[in-house]
Amino acid sequence: MGVVHMDRTAVLQSELAYVMGCLCFCAETLAQLGQRELAEDVAEACAALKPALSQGQVASGGSLH
């Protein structure tokens, strides 16, 4: 069986999706703990990353800022 090589773009997109999932989980957890302001800040960070992933900015080398 051969080694599967993922291209760099696929790896970056996968890692970004993972980070987004972590941020969303953190936001939910903070909200459950009553830390509404922090939860909103983390949710905003997660939402800010979504367009970068869905529009392929990672693939094109665009900035995530």
PDB file of N, CA and C in Angstrom:
ATOM      1  N   MET A   1       0.844  -1.176   0.000  1.00  0.00           N
ATOM      2  CA  MET A   1       0.000   0.000   0.000  1.00  0.00           C
ATOM      3  C   MET A   1       0.891   1.241   0.000  1.00  0.00           C
ATOM      4  N   GLY A   2       0.595   2.196  -0.864  1.00  0.00           N
ATOM      5  CA  GLY A   2       1.409   3.393  -0.990  1.00  0.00           C
ATOM      6  C   GLY A   2       1.060   4.454   0.033  1.00  0.00           C
ATOM      7  N   VAL A   3       1.927   5.416   0.143  1.00  0.00           N
ATOM      8  CA  VAL A   3       1.711   6.548   1.040  1.00  0.00           C
ATOM      9  C   VAL A   3       0.835   7.567   0.321  1.00  0.00           C
ATOM     10  N   VAL A   4      -0.160   8.066   1.009  1.00  0.00           N
ATOM     11  CA  VAL A   4      -1.049   9.074   0.437  1.00  0.00           C
ATOM     12  C   VAL A   4      -0.484  10.445   0.772  1.00  0.00           C
ATOM     13  N   HIS A   5      -0.298  11.265  -0.242  1.00  0.00           N
ATOM     14  CA  HIS A   5       0.209  12.620  -0.043  1.00  0.00           C
ATOM     15  C   HIS A   5      -0.929  13.609  -0.267  1.00  0.00           C
ATOM     16  N   MET A   6      -1.204  14.429   0.739  1.00  0.00           N
ATOM     17  CA  MET A   6      -2.198  15.490   0.592  1.00  0.00           C
ATOM     18  C   MET A   6      -1.461  16.751   0.166  1.00  0.00           C
ATOM     19  N   ASP A   7      -2.083  17.520  -0.710  1.00  0.00           N
ATOM     20  CA  ASP A   7      -1.414  18.762  -1.069  1.00  0.00           C
ATOM     21  C   ASP A   7      -1.539  19.757   0.083  1.00  0.00           C
ATOM     22  N   ARG A   8      -0.684  20.739   0.065  1.00  0.00           N
ATOM     23  CA  ARG A   8      -0.589  21.716   1.153  1.00  0.00           C
ATOM     24  C   ARG A   8      -1.918  22.433   1.384  1.00  0.00           C
ATOM     25  N   THR A   9      -2.628  22.759   0.321  1.00  0.00           N
ATOM     26  CA  THR A   9      -3.900  23.460   0.446  1.00  0.00           C
ATOM     27  C   THR A   9      -4.914  22.618   1.208  1.00  0.00           C
ATOM     28  N   ALA A  10      -4.995  21.346   0.874  1.00  0.00           N
ATOM     29  CA  ALA A  10      -5.944  20.466   1.558  1.00  0.00           C
ATOM     30  C   ALA A  10      -5.609  20.355   3.042  1.00  0.00           C
ATOM     31  N   VAL A  11      -4.334  20.291   3.354  1.00  0.00           N
ATOM     32  CA  VAL A  11      -3.914  20.211   4.755  1.00  0.00           C
ATOM     33  C   VAL A  11      -4.291  21.494   5.487  1.00  0.00           C
ATOM     34  N   LEU A  12      -4.020  22.643   4.888  1.00  0.00           N
ATOM     35  CA  LEU A  12      -4.345  23.921   5.533  1.00  0.00           C
ATOM     36  C   LEU A  12      -5.845  24.079   5.725  1.00  0.00           C
ATOM     37  N   GLN A  13      -6.632  23.681   4.723  1.00  0.00           N
ATOM     38  CA  GLN A  13      -8.084  23.780   4.850  1.00  0.00           C
ATOM     39  C   GLN A  13      -8.592  22.860   5.956  1.00  0.00           C
ATOM     40  N   SER A  14      -8.024  21.685   6.053  1.00  0.00           N
ATOM     41  CA  SER A  14      -8.411  20.747   7.103  1.00  0.00           C
ATOM     42  C   SER A  14      -8.065  21.309   8.480  1.00  0.00           C
ATOM     43  N   GLU A  15      -6.886  21.892   8.607  1.00  0.00           N
ATOM     44  CA  GLU A  15      -6.473  22.470   9.888  1.00  0.00           C
ATOM     45  C   GLU A  15      -7.337  23.667  10.259  1.00  0.00           C
ATOM     46  N   LEU A  16      -7.693  24.489   9.283  1.00  0.00           N
ATOM     47  CA  LEU A  16      -8.555  25.636   9.550  1.00  0.00           C
ATOM     48  C   LEU A  16      -9.936  25.169   9.998  1.00  0.00           C
ATOM     49  N   ALA A  17     -10.461  24.147   9.360  1.00  0.00           N
ATOM     50  CA  ALA A  17     -11.761  23.607   9.760  1.00  0.00           C
ATOM     51  C   ALA A  17     -11.706  23.083  11.196  1.00  0.00           C
ATOM     52  N   TYR A  18     -10.601  22.446  11.556  1.00  0.00           N
ATOM     53  CA  TYR A  18     -10.429  21.937  12.919  1.00  0.00           C
ATOM     54  C   TYR A  18     -10.413  23.094  13.924  1.00  0.00           C
ATOM     55  N   VAL A  19      -9.667  24.142  13.616  1.00  0.00           N
ATOM     56  CA  VAL A  19      -9.584  25.309  14.508  1.00  0.00           C
ATOM     57  C   VAL A  19     -10.961  25.948  14.665  1.00  0.00           C
ATOM     58  N   MET A  20     -11.694  26.057  13.564  1.00  0.00           N
ATOM     59  CA  MET A  20     -13.043  26.619  13.639  1.00  0.00           C
ATOM     60  C   MET A  20     -13.932  25.780  14.549  1.00  0.00           C
ATOM     61  N   GLY A  21     -13.832  24.472  14.428  1.00  0.00           N
ATOM     62  CA  GLY A  21     -14.615  23.589  15.289  1.00  0.00           C
ATOM     63  C   GLY A  21     -14.268  23.777  16.755  1.00  0.00           C
ATOM     64  N   CYS A  22     -12.985  23.917  17.037  1.00  0.00           N
ATOM     65  CA  CYS A  22     -12.540  24.144  18.418  1.00  0.00           C
ATOM     66  C   CYS A  22     -13.081  25.461  18.953  1.00  0.00           C
ATOM     67  N   LEU A  23     -13.023  26.503  18.146  1.00  0.00           N
ATOM     68  CA  LEU A  23     -13.527  27.807  18.578  1.00  0.00           C
ATOM     69  C   LEU A  23     -15.026  27.761  18.848  1.00  0.00           C
ATOM     70  N   CYS A  24     -15.766  27.103  17.972  1.00  0.00           N
ATOM     71  CA  CYS A  24     -17.216  27.002  18.166  1.00  0.00           C
ATOM     72  C   CYS A  24     -17.537  26.215  19.433  1.00  0.00           C
ATOM     73  N   PHE A  25     -16.799  25.139  19.676  1.00  0.00           N
ATOM     74  CA  PHE A  25     -16.989  24.356  20.897  1.00  0.00           C
ATOM     75  C   PHE A  25     -16.692  25.211  22.127  1.00  0.00           C
ATOM     76  N   CYS A  26     -15.613  25.977  22.074  1.00  0.00           N
ATOM     77  CA  CYS A  26     -15.256  26.851  23.202  1.00  0.00           C
ATOM     78  C   CYS A  26     -16.341  27.886  23.450  1.00  0.00           C
ATOM     79  N   ALA A  27     -16.880  28.463  22.385  1.00  0.00           N
ATOM     80  CA  ALA A  27     -17.937  29.464  22.531  1.00  0.00           C
ATOM     81  C   ALA A  27     -19.163  28.855  23.208  1.00  0.00           C
ATOM     82  N   GLU A  28     -19.548  27.661  22.791  1.00  0.00           N
ATOM     83  CA  GLU A  28     -20.697  26.988  23.402  1.00  0.00           C
ATOM     84  C   GLU A  28     -20.439  26.693  24.878  1.00  0.00           C
ATOM     85  N   THR A  29     -19.245  26.225  25.177  1.00  0.00           N
ATOM     86  CA  THR A  29     -18.900  25.897  26.559  1.00  0.00           C
ATOM     87  C   THR A  29     -18.900  27.147  27.432  1.00  0.00           C
ATOM     88  N   LEU A  30     -18.317  28.224  26.926  1.00  0.00           N
ATOM     89  CA  LEU A  30     -18.308  29.476  27.687  1.00  0.00           C
ATOM     90  C   LEU A  30     -19.727  29.972  27.945  1.00  0.00           C
ATOM     91  N   ALA A  31     -20.592  29.856  26.950  1.00  0.00           N
ATOM     92  CA  ALA A  31     -21.981  30.281  27.122  1.00  0.00           C
ATOM     93  C   ALA A  31     -22.665  29.450  28.206  1.00  0.00           C
ATOM     94  N   GLN A  32     -22.421  28.148  28.208  1.00  0.00           N
ATOM     95  CA  GLN A  32     -23.014  27.271  29.225  1.00  0.00           C
ATOM     96  C   GLN A  32     -22.498  27.605  30.620  1.00  0.00           C
ATOM     97  N   LEU A  33     -21.281  28.115  30.692  1.00  0.00           N
ATOM     98  CA  LEU A  33     -20.695  28.483  31.983  1.00  0.00           C
ATOM     99  C   LEU A  33     -21.076  29.898  32.411  1.00  0.00           C
ATOM    100  N   GLY A  34     -21.896  30.562  31.612  1.00  0.00           N
ATOM    101  CA  GLY A  34     -22.352  31.894  31.957  1.00  0.00           C
ATOM    102  C   GLY A  34     -21.410  33.013  31.561  1.00  0.00           C
ATOM    103  N   GLN A  35     -20.420  32.700  30.771  1.00  0.00           N
ATOM    104  CA  GLN A  35     -19.452  33.708  30.321  1.00  0.00           C
ATOM    105  C   GLN A  35     -19.887  34.254  28.959  1.00  0.00           C
ATOM    106  N   ARG A  36     -21.014  34.932  28.947  1.00  0.00           N
ATOM    107  CA  ARG A  36     -21.639  35.365  27.701  1.00  0.00           C
ATOM    108  C   ARG A  36     -20.735  36.268  26.859  1.00  0.00           C
ATOM    109  N   GLU A  37     -20.093  37.245  27.478  1.00  0.00           N
ATOM    110  CA  GLU A  37     -19.250  38.182  26.726  1.00  0.00           C
ATOM    111  C   GLU A  37     -18.080  37.459  26.056  1.00  0.00           C
ATOM    112  N   LEU A  38     -17.418  36.590  26.793  1.00  0.00           N
ATOM    113  CA  LEU A  38     -16.320  35.811  26.212  1.00  0.00           C
ATOM    114  C   LEU A  38     -16.835  34.885  25.120  1.00  0.00           C
ATOM    115  N   ALA A  39     -17.982  34.274  25.346  1.00  0.00           N
ATOM    116  CA  ALA A  39     -18.572  33.375  24.351  1.00  0.00           C
ATOM    117  C   ALA A  39     -18.842  34.123  23.050  1.00  0.00           C
ATOM    118  N   GLU A  40     -19.346  35.344  23.159  1.00  0.00           N
ATOM    119  CA  GLU A  40     -19.620  36.144  21.961  1.00  0.00           C
ATOM    120  C   GLU A  40     -18.331  36.490  21.226  1.00  0.00           C
ATOM    121  N   ASP A  41     -17.282  36.830  21.963  1.00  0.00           N
ATOM    122  CA  ASP A  41     -15.991  37.145  21.332  1.00  0.00           C
ATOM    123  C   ASP A  41     -15.428  35.939  20.582  1.00  0.00           C
ATOM    124  N   VAL A  42     -15.502  34.774  21.206  1.00  0.00           N
ATOM    125  CA  VAL A  42     -14.983  33.563  20.571  1.00  0.00           C
ATOM    126  C   VAL A  42     -15.844  33.197  19.359  1.00  0.00           C
ATOM    127  N   ALA A  43     -17.153  33.348  19.480  1.00  0.00           N
ATOM    128  CA  ALA A  43     -18.049  33.060  18.354  1.00  0.00           C
ATOM    129  C   ALA A  43     -17.756  33.999  17.183  1.00  0.00           C
ATOM    130  N   GLU A  44     -17.431  35.250  17.471  1.00  0.00           N
ATOM    131  CA  GLU A  44     -17.070  36.197  16.409  1.00  0.00           C
ATOM    132  C   GLU A  44     -15.788  35.763  15.708  1.00  0.00           C
ATOM    133  N   ALA A  45     -14.826  35.280  16.475  1.00  0.00           N
ATOM    134  CA  ALA A  45     -13.575  34.794  15.875  1.00  0.00           C
ATOM    135  C   ALA A  45     -13.856  33.607  14.962  1.00  0.00           C
ATOM    136  N   CYS A  46     -14.713  32.714  15.400  1.00  0.00           N
ATOM    137  CA  CYS A  46     -15.080  31.555  14.589  1.00  0.00           C
ATOM    138  C   CYS A  46     -15.783  32.012  13.312  1.00  0.00           C
ATOM    139  N   ALA A  47     -16.710  32.931  13.442  1.00  0.00           N
ATOM    140  CA  ALA A  47     -17.448  33.429  12.279  1.00  0.00           C
ATOM    141  C   ALA A  47     -16.523  34.143  11.295  1.00  0.00           C
ATOM    142  N   ALA A  48     -15.500  34.808  11.806  1.00  0.00           N
ATOM    143  CA  ALA A  48     -14.565  35.519  10.933  1.00  0.00           C
ATOM    144  C   ALA A  48     -13.750  34.557  10.075  1.00  0.00           C
ATOM    145  N   LEU A  49     -13.545  33.346  10.549  1.00  0.00           N
ATOM    146  CA  LEU A  49     -12.775  32.356   9.787  1.00  0.00           C
ATOM    147  C   LEU A  49     -13.605  31.658   8.712  1.00  0.00           C
ATOM    148  N   LYS A  50     -14.912  31.598   8.884  1.00  0.00           N
ATOM    149  CA  LYS A  50     -15.762  30.853   7.947  1.00  0.00           C
ATOM    150  C   LYS A  50     -15.627  31.320   6.501  1.00  0.00           C
ATOM    151  N   PRO A  51     -15.646  32.626   6.220  1.00  0.00           N
ATOM    152  CA  PRO A  51     -15.506  33.046   4.820  1.00  0.00           C
ATOM    153  C   PRO A  51     -14.168  32.643   4.208  1.00  0.00           C
ATOM    154  N   ALA A  52     -13.120  32.659   5.008  1.00  0.00           N
ATOM    155  CA  ALA A  52     -11.800  32.279   4.497  1.00  0.00           C
ATOM    156  C   ALA A  52     -11.804  30.836   4.022  1.00  0.00           C
ATOM    157  N   LEU A  53     -12.485  29.982   4.736  1.00  0.00           N
ATOM    158  CA  LEU A  53     -12.543  28.571   4.361  1.00  0.00           C
ATOM    159  C   LEU A  53     -13.497  28.359   3.190  1.00  0.00           C
ATOM    160  N   SER A  54     -14.675  28.964   3.260  1.00  0.00           N
ATOM    161  CA  SER A  54     -15.677  28.720   2.223  1.00  0.00           C
ATOM    162  C   SER A  54     -15.338  29.392   0.898  1.00  0.00           C
ATOM    163  N   GLN A  55     -14.599  30.487   0.920  1.00  0.00           N
ATOM    164  CA  GLN A  55     -14.249  31.193  -0.311  1.00  0.00           C
ATOM    165  C   GLN A  55     -12.906  30.757  -0.870  1.00  0.00           C
ATOM    166  N   GLY A  56     -12.273  29.821  -0.208  1.00  0.00           N
ATOM    167  CA  GLY A  56     -11.018  29.285  -0.718  1.00  0.00           C
ATOM    168  C   GLY A  56      -9.830  30.203  -0.566  1.00  0.00           C
ATOM    169  N   GLN A  57      -9.864  31.132   0.379  1.00  0.00           N
ATOM    170  CA  GLN A  57      -8.730  32.031   0.567  1.00  0.00           C
ATOM    171  C   GLN A  57      -7.489  31.273   0.989  1.00  0.00           C
ATOM    172  N   VAL A  58      -7.681  30.156   1.663  1.00  0.00           N
ATOM    173  CA  VAL A  58      -6.527  29.337   2.035  1.00  0.00           C
ATOM    174  C   VAL A  58      -5.885  28.793   0.771  1.00  0.00           C
ATOM    175  N   ALA A  59      -6.718  28.353  -0.162  1.00  0.00           N
ATOM    176  CA  ALA A  59      -6.213  27.763  -1.404  1.00  0.00           C
ATOM    177  C   ALA A  59      -5.486  28.790  -2.259  1.00  0.00           C
ATOM    178  N   SER A  60      -5.977  30.031  -2.249  1.00  0.00           N
ATOM    179  CA  SER A  60      -5.377  31.048  -3.106  1.00  0.00           C
ATOM    180  C   SER A  60      -4.208  31.761  -2.435  1.00  0.00           C
ATOM    181  N   GLY A  61      -3.954  31.417  -1.181  1.00  0.00           N
ATOM    182  CA  GLY A  61      -2.863  32.067  -0.467  1.00  0.00           C
ATOM    183  C   GLY A  61      -3.267  33.398   0.121  1.00  0.00           C
ATOM    184  N   GLY A  62      -4.564  33.678   0.138  1.00  0.00           N
ATOM    185  CA  GLY A  62      -5.046  34.937   0.669  1.00  0.00           C
ATOM    186  C   GLY A  62      -4.885  35.017   2.172  1.00  0.00           C
ATOM    187  N   SER A  63      -4.923  36.205   2.679  1.00  0.00           N
ATOM    188  CA  SER A  63      -4.763  36.434   4.103  1.00  0.00           C
ATOM    189  C   SER A  63      -6.033  36.061   4.842  1.00  0.00           C
ATOM    190  N   LEU A  64      -5.873  35.579   6.051  1.00  0.00           N
ATOM    191  CA  LEU A  64      -7.022  35.273   6.886  1.00  0.00           C
ATOM    192  C   LEU A  64      -7.428  36.464   7.737  1.00  0.00           C
ATOM    193  N   HIS A  65      -6.780  37.584   7.565  1.00  0.00           N
ATOM    194  CA  HIS A  65      -7.082  38.767   8.381  1.00  0.00           C
ATOM    195  C   HIS A  65      -8.194  39.553   7.759  1.00  0.00           C
TER     196      HIS A  65
END
